[in-house]
Amino acid sequence: MTEKYDKDNDGENGHGTSCASTIKREFNDVEIFVVKVLGKDGRTNRQIFKDAFS
């Protein structure tokens, strides 16, 4: 697994980290790409969501 840590993309609540850890534990040969679309309040908007996957 290749990791790139960017403090600006650090999660506020750890949910994504927990999910990624579970996936990695079950599937050893997997690459995980982080796409952050939710703020620390768990909210986003359509434009942010659209831009994240463009």
PDB file of N, CA and C in Angstrom:
ATOM      1  N   MET A   1       0.846  -1.178   0.000  1.00  0.00           N
ATOM      2  CA  MET A   1       0.000   0.000   0.000  1.00  0.00           C
ATOM      3  C   MET A   1       0.885   1.233   0.000  1.00  0.00           C
ATOM      4  N   THR A   2       0.619   2.138  -0.906  1.00  0.00           N
ATOM      5  CA  THR A   2       1.339   3.398  -0.970  1.00  0.00           C
ATOM      6  C   THR A   2       0.561   4.427  -0.179  1.00  0.00           C
ATOM      7  N   GLU A   3       1.223   5.091   0.727  1.00  0.00           N
ATOM      8  CA  GLU A   3       0.550   6.077   1.554  1.00  0.00           C
ATOM      9  C   GLU A   3       1.100   7.455   1.273  1.00  0.00           C
ATOM     10  N   LYS A   4       0.218   8.430   1.167  1.00  0.00           N
ATOM     11  CA  LYS A   4       0.607   9.824   1.078  1.00  0.00           C
ATOM     12  C   LYS A   4      -0.202  10.555   2.126  1.00  0.00           C
ATOM     13  N   TYR A   5       0.483  11.108   3.096  1.00  0.00           N
ATOM     14  CA  TYR A   5      -0.203  11.798   4.175  1.00  0.00           C
ATOM     15  C   TYR A   5      -0.124  13.292   3.935  1.00  0.00           C
ATOM     16  N   ASP A   6      -1.268  13.937   3.911  1.00  0.00           N
ATOM     17  CA  ASP A   6      -1.353  15.376   3.752  1.00  0.00           C
ATOM     18  C   ASP A   6      -2.180  15.903   4.911  1.00  0.00           C
ATOM     19  N   LYS A   7      -1.564  16.682   5.790  1.00  0.00           N
ATOM     20  CA  LYS A   7      -2.246  17.151   6.990  1.00  0.00           C
ATOM     21  C   LYS A   7      -3.547  17.887   6.656  1.00  0.00           C
ATOM     22  N   ASP A   8      -3.611  18.569   5.509  1.00  0.00           N
ATOM     23  CA  ASP A   8      -4.831  19.278   5.119  1.00  0.00           C
ATOM     24  C   ASP A   8      -5.988  18.327   4.866  1.00  0.00           C
ATOM     25  N   ASN A   9      -5.689  17.056   4.602  1.00  0.00           N
ATOM     26  CA  ASN A   9      -6.731  16.071   4.322  1.00  0.00           C
ATOM     27  C   ASN A   9      -6.988  15.154   5.506  1.00  0.00           C
ATOM     28  N   ASP A  10      -6.431  15.491   6.635  1.00  0.00           N
ATOM     29  CA  ASP A  10      -6.608  14.690   7.836  1.00  0.00           C
ATOM     30  C   ASP A  10      -8.080  14.713   8.255  1.00  0.00           C
ATOM     31  N   GLY A  11      -8.633  13.561   8.559  1.00  0.00           N
ATOM     32  CA  GLY A  11     -10.027  13.485   8.971  1.00  0.00           C
ATOM     33  C   GLY A  11     -10.233  13.997  10.384  1.00  0.00           C
ATOM     34  N   GLU A  12     -11.386  14.556  10.627  1.00  0.00           N
ATOM     35  CA  GLU A  12     -11.672  15.091  11.953  1.00  0.00           C
ATOM     36  C   GLU A  12     -12.270  14.055  12.890  1.00  0.00           C
ATOM     37  N   ASN A  13     -12.934  13.031  12.334  1.00  0.00           N
ATOM     38  CA  ASN A  13     -13.624  12.095  13.218  1.00  0.00           C
ATOM     39  C   ASN A  13     -13.124  10.653  13.130  1.00  0.00           C
ATOM     40  N   GLY A  14     -12.199  10.364  12.218  1.00  0.00           N
ATOM     41  CA  GLY A  14     -11.598   9.033  12.155  1.00  0.00           C
ATOM     42  C   GLY A  14     -12.429   7.961  11.474  1.00  0.00           C
ATOM     43  N   HIS A  15     -13.612   8.289  10.975  1.00  0.00           N
ATOM     44  CA  HIS A  15     -14.471   7.284  10.347  1.00  0.00           C
ATOM     45  C   HIS A  15     -13.806   6.668   9.115  1.00  0.00           C
ATOM     46  N   GLY A  16     -13.255   7.514   8.257  1.00  0.00           N
ATOM     47  CA  GLY A  16     -12.605   7.001   7.047  1.00  0.00           C
ATOM     48  C   GLY A  16     -11.401   6.137   7.359  1.00  0.00           C
ATOM     49  N   THR A  17     -10.624   6.547   8.350  1.00  0.00           N
ATOM     50  CA  THR A  17      -9.458   5.771   8.767  1.00  0.00           C
ATOM     51  C   THR A  17      -9.886   4.401   9.265  1.00  0.00           C
ATOM     52  N   SER A  18     -10.949   4.362  10.021  1.00  0.00           N
ATOM     53  CA  SER A  18     -11.463   3.095  10.544  1.00  0.00           C
ATOM     54  C   SER A  18     -11.929   2.186   9.411  1.00  0.00           C
ATOM     55  N   CYS A  19     -12.659   2.756   8.465  1.00  0.00           N
ATOM     56  CA  CYS A  19     -13.143   1.966   7.319  1.00  0.00           C
ATOM     57  C   CYS A  19     -11.977   1.443   6.487  1.00  0.00           C
ATOM     58  N   ALA A  20     -11.001   2.300   6.210  1.00  0.00           N
ATOM     59  CA  ALA A  20      -9.836   1.895   5.417  1.00  0.00           C
ATOM     60  C   ALA A  20      -9.057   0.793   6.118  1.00  0.00           C
ATOM     61  N   SER A  21      -8.927   0.897   7.422  1.00  0.00           N
ATOM     62  CA  SER A  21      -8.221  -0.116   8.195  1.00  0.00           C
ATOM     63  C   SER A  21      -8.920  -1.473   8.100  1.00  0.00           C
ATOM     64  N   THR A  22     -10.231  -1.467   8.187  1.00  0.00           N
ATOM     65  CA  THR A  22     -11.007  -2.705   8.084  1.00  0.00           C
ATOM     66  C   THR A  22     -10.865  -3.325   6.695  1.00  0.00           C
ATOM     67  N   ILE A  23     -10.956  -2.503   5.661  1.00  0.00           N
ATOM     68  CA  ILE A  23     -10.814  -2.990   4.286  1.00  0.00           C
ATOM     69  C   ILE A  23      -9.424  -3.582   4.079  1.00  0.00           C
ATOM     70  N   LYS A  24      -8.396  -2.864   4.525  1.00  0.00           N
ATOM     71  CA  LYS A  24      -7.016  -3.321   4.353  1.00  0.00           C
ATOM     72  C   LYS A  24      -6.753  -4.626   5.096  1.00  0.00           C
ATOM     73  N   ARG A  25      -7.364  -4.781   6.248  1.00  0.00           N
ATOM     74  CA  ARG A  25      -7.185  -6.007   7.038  1.00  0.00           C
ATOM     75  C   ARG A  25      -7.801  -7.207   6.318  1.00  0.00           C
ATOM     76  N   GLU A  26      -8.905  -7.001   5.630  1.00  0.00           N
ATOM     77  CA  GLU A  26      -9.607  -8.095   4.940  1.00  0.00           C
ATOM     78  C   GLU A  26      -9.043  -8.381   3.549  1.00  0.00           C
ATOM     79  N   PHE A  27      -8.525  -7.360   2.891  1.00  0.00           N
ATOM     80  CA  PHE A  27      -8.035  -7.486   1.518  1.00  0.00           C
ATOM     81  C   PHE A  27      -6.620  -6.909   1.457  1.00  0.00           C
ATOM     82  N   ASN A  28      -5.621  -7.788   1.535  1.00  0.00           N
ATOM     83  CA  ASN A  28      -4.222  -7.347   1.609  1.00  0.00           C
ATOM     84  C   ASN A  28      -3.738  -6.622   0.359  1.00  0.00           C
ATOM     85  N   ASP A  29      -4.197  -7.041  -0.795  1.00  0.00           N
ATOM     86  CA  ASP A  29      -3.695  -6.489  -2.052  1.00  0.00           C
ATOM     87  C   ASP A  29      -4.681  -5.449  -2.606  1.00  0.00           C
ATOM     88  N   VAL A  30      -4.862  -4.369  -1.874  1.00  0.00           N
ATOM     89  CA  VAL A  30      -5.810  -3.335  -2.275  1.00  0.00           C
ATOM     90  C   VAL A  30      -5.143  -1.968  -2.151  1.00  0.00           C
ATOM     91  N   GLU A  31      -5.491  -1.064  -3.054  1.00  0.00           N
ATOM     92  CA  GLU A  31      -5.042   0.320  -2.953  1.00  0.00           C
ATOM     93  C   GLU A  31      -6.231   1.160  -2.526  1.00  0.00           C
ATOM     94  N   ILE A  32      -5.996   2.061  -1.612  1.00  0.00           N
ATOM     95  CA  ILE A  32      -7.065   2.920  -1.110  1.00  0.00           C
ATOM     96  C   ILE A  32      -6.736   4.357  -1.474  1.00  0.00           C
ATOM     97  N   PHE A  33      -7.675   5.006  -2.111  1.00  0.00           N
ATOM     98  CA  PHE A  33      -7.533   6.408  -2.495  1.00  0.00           C
ATOM     99  C   PHE A  33      -8.520   7.228  -1.668  1.00  0.00           C
ATOM    100  N   VAL A  34      -8.020   8.228  -1.002  1.00  0.00           N
ATOM    101  CA  VAL A  34      -8.851   9.053  -0.131  1.00  0.00           C
ATOM    102  C   VAL A  34      -9.430  10.216  -0.920  1.00  0.00           C
ATOM    103  N   VAL A  35     -10.741  10.350  -0.825  1.00  0.00           N
ATOM    104  CA  VAL A  35     -11.439  11.478  -1.417  1.00  0.00           C
ATOM    105  C   VAL A  35     -12.318  12.059  -0.321  1.00  0.00           C
ATOM    106  N   LYS A  36     -11.906  13.179   0.208  1.00  0.00           N
ATOM    107  CA  LYS A  36     -12.631  13.783   1.328  1.00  0.00           C
ATOM    108  C   LYS A  36     -13.691  14.749   0.791  1.00  0.00           C
ATOM    109  N   VAL A  37     -14.938  14.479   1.126  1.00  0.00           N
ATOM    110  CA  VAL A  37     -16.027  15.343   0.664  1.00  0.00           C
ATOM    111  C   VAL A  37     -16.881  15.878   1.809  1.00  0.00           C
ATOM    112  N   LEU A  38     -16.674  15.374   3.008  1.00  0.00           N
ATOM    113  CA  LEU A  38     -17.484  15.811   4.147  1.00  0.00           C
ATOM    114  C   LEU A  38     -16.660  16.658   5.096  1.00  0.00           C
ATOM    115  N   GLY A  39     -17.266  17.695   5.627  1.00  0.00           N
ATOM    116  CA  GLY A  39     -16.625  18.502   6.652  1.00  0.00           C
ATOM    117  C   GLY A  39     -16.731  17.809   7.995  1.00  0.00           C
ATOM    118  N   LYS A  40     -16.149  18.420   9.033  1.00  0.00           N
ATOM    119  CA  LYS A  40     -16.176  17.774  10.348  1.00  0.00           C
ATOM    120  C   LYS A  40     -17.581  17.661  10.911  1.00  0.00           C
ATOM    121  N   ASP A  41     -18.511  18.423  10.352  1.00  0.00           N
ATOM    122  CA  ASP A  41     -19.912  18.319  10.768  1.00  0.00           C
ATOM    123  C   ASP A  41     -20.669  17.252   9.986  1.00  0.00           C
ATOM    124  N   GLY A  42     -19.959  16.565   9.049  1.00  0.00           N
ATOM    125  CA  GLY A  42     -20.580  15.501   8.267  1.00  0.00           C
ATOM    126  C   GLY A  42     -21.410  16.002   7.090  1.00  0.00           C
ATOM    127  N   ARG A  43     -21.228  17.256   6.726  1.00  0.00           N
ATOM    128  CA  ARG A  43     -22.025  17.847   5.643  1.00  0.00           C
ATOM    129  C   ARG A  43     -21.150  18.191   4.450  1.00  0.00           C
ATOM    130  N   THR A  44     -21.791  18.303   3.300  1.00  0.00           N
ATOM    131  CA  THR A  44     -21.129  18.713   2.064  1.00  0.00           C
ATOM    132  C   THR A  44     -22.172  19.383   1.177  1.00  0.00           C
ATOM    133  N   ASN A  45     -21.806  19.658  -0.056  1.00  0.00           N
ATOM    134  CA  ASN A  45     -22.784  20.132  -1.027  1.00  0.00           C
ATOM    135  C   ASN A  45     -22.514  19.452  -2.354  1.00  0.00           C
ATOM    136  N   ARG A  46     -23.423  19.586  -3.265  1.00  0.00           N
ATOM    137  CA  ARG A  46     -23.309  18.865  -4.544  1.00  0.00           C
ATOM    138  C   ARG A  46     -22.041  19.229  -5.306  1.00  0.00           C
ATOM    139  N   GLN A  47     -21.655  20.498  -5.295  1.00  0.00           N
ATOM    140  CA  GLN A  47     -20.486  20.917  -6.060  1.00  0.00           C
ATOM    141  C   GLN A  47     -19.199  20.291  -5.514  1.00  0.00           C
ATOM    142  N   ILE A  48     -19.046  20.281  -4.215  1.00  0.00           N
ATOM    143  CA  ILE A  48     -17.860  19.663  -3.611  1.00  0.00           C
ATOM    144  C   ILE A  48     -17.830  18.171  -3.947  1.00  0.00           C
ATOM    145  N   PHE A  49     -18.975  17.515  -3.829  1.00  0.00           N
ATOM    146  CA  PHE A  49     -19.055  16.084  -4.134  1.00  0.00           C
ATOM    147  C   PHE A  49     -18.720  15.828  -5.595  1.00  0.00           C
ATOM    148  N   LYS A  50     -19.274  16.625  -6.493  1.00  0.00           N
ATOM    149  CA  LYS A  50     -19.012  16.483  -7.920  1.00  0.00           C
ATOM    150  C   LYS A  50     -17.531  16.726  -8.238  1.00  0.00           C
ATOM    151  N   ASP A  51     -16.954  17.787  -7.689  1.00  0.00           N
ATOM    152  CA  ASP A  51     -15.550  18.112  -7.951  1.00  0.00           C
ATOM    153  C   ASP A  51     -14.602  17.038  -7.433  1.00  0.00           C
ATOM    154  N   ALA A  52     -14.939  16.404  -6.335  1.00  0.00           N
ATOM    155  CA  ALA A  52     -14.074  15.384  -5.760  1.00  0.00           C
ATOM    156  C   ALA A  52     -13.922  14.171  -6.658  1.00  0.00           C
ATOM    157  N   PHE A  53     -14.909  13.895  -7.473  1.00  0.00           N
ATOM    158  CA  PHE A  53     -14.872  12.715  -8.335  1.00  0.00           C
ATOM    159  C   PHE A  53     -14.651  13.054  -9.801  1.00  0.00           C
ATOM    160  N   SER A  54     -14.300  14.283 -10.080  1.00  0.00           N
ATOM    161  CA  SER A  54     -14.054  14.716 -11.470  1.00  0.00           C
ATOM    162  C   SER A  54     -12.607  14.544 -11.851  1.00  0.00           C
TER     163      SER A  54
END
